[in-house]
Amino acid sequence: MLNYAAKLTRTPWAMTANDLHPLREAGLTDTDILDINLVTAYFAYVNRVADGLGVGIDNYAQESGGNQPDASQEPETAAN
């Protein structure tokens, strides 16, 4: 489940139907898989909206280092 969510978050363009097999083999239903997909997509969406609007993070998150971007996970762009 976490591998699926991580891949969907980091490389959504690389997702295939084959990514569902381990989830189904673990006994998850289509509804379970949809729930994982929707929650993962929602968090990505909300974070993208917040980042696009320049919303800052609170002091607790800054002090804990909880929202530090991992540059190694950024997709290649024309500017890179």
Foldseek 3Di string as FASTA:
>chain_A
DVVLLVCCLLPVVPDDPVSCVVVVVVPDDPVRVVVSVVVSVVVSVVVVVCVVVVPDDDPVCVVVVVDDDDVVSDDDDPVD
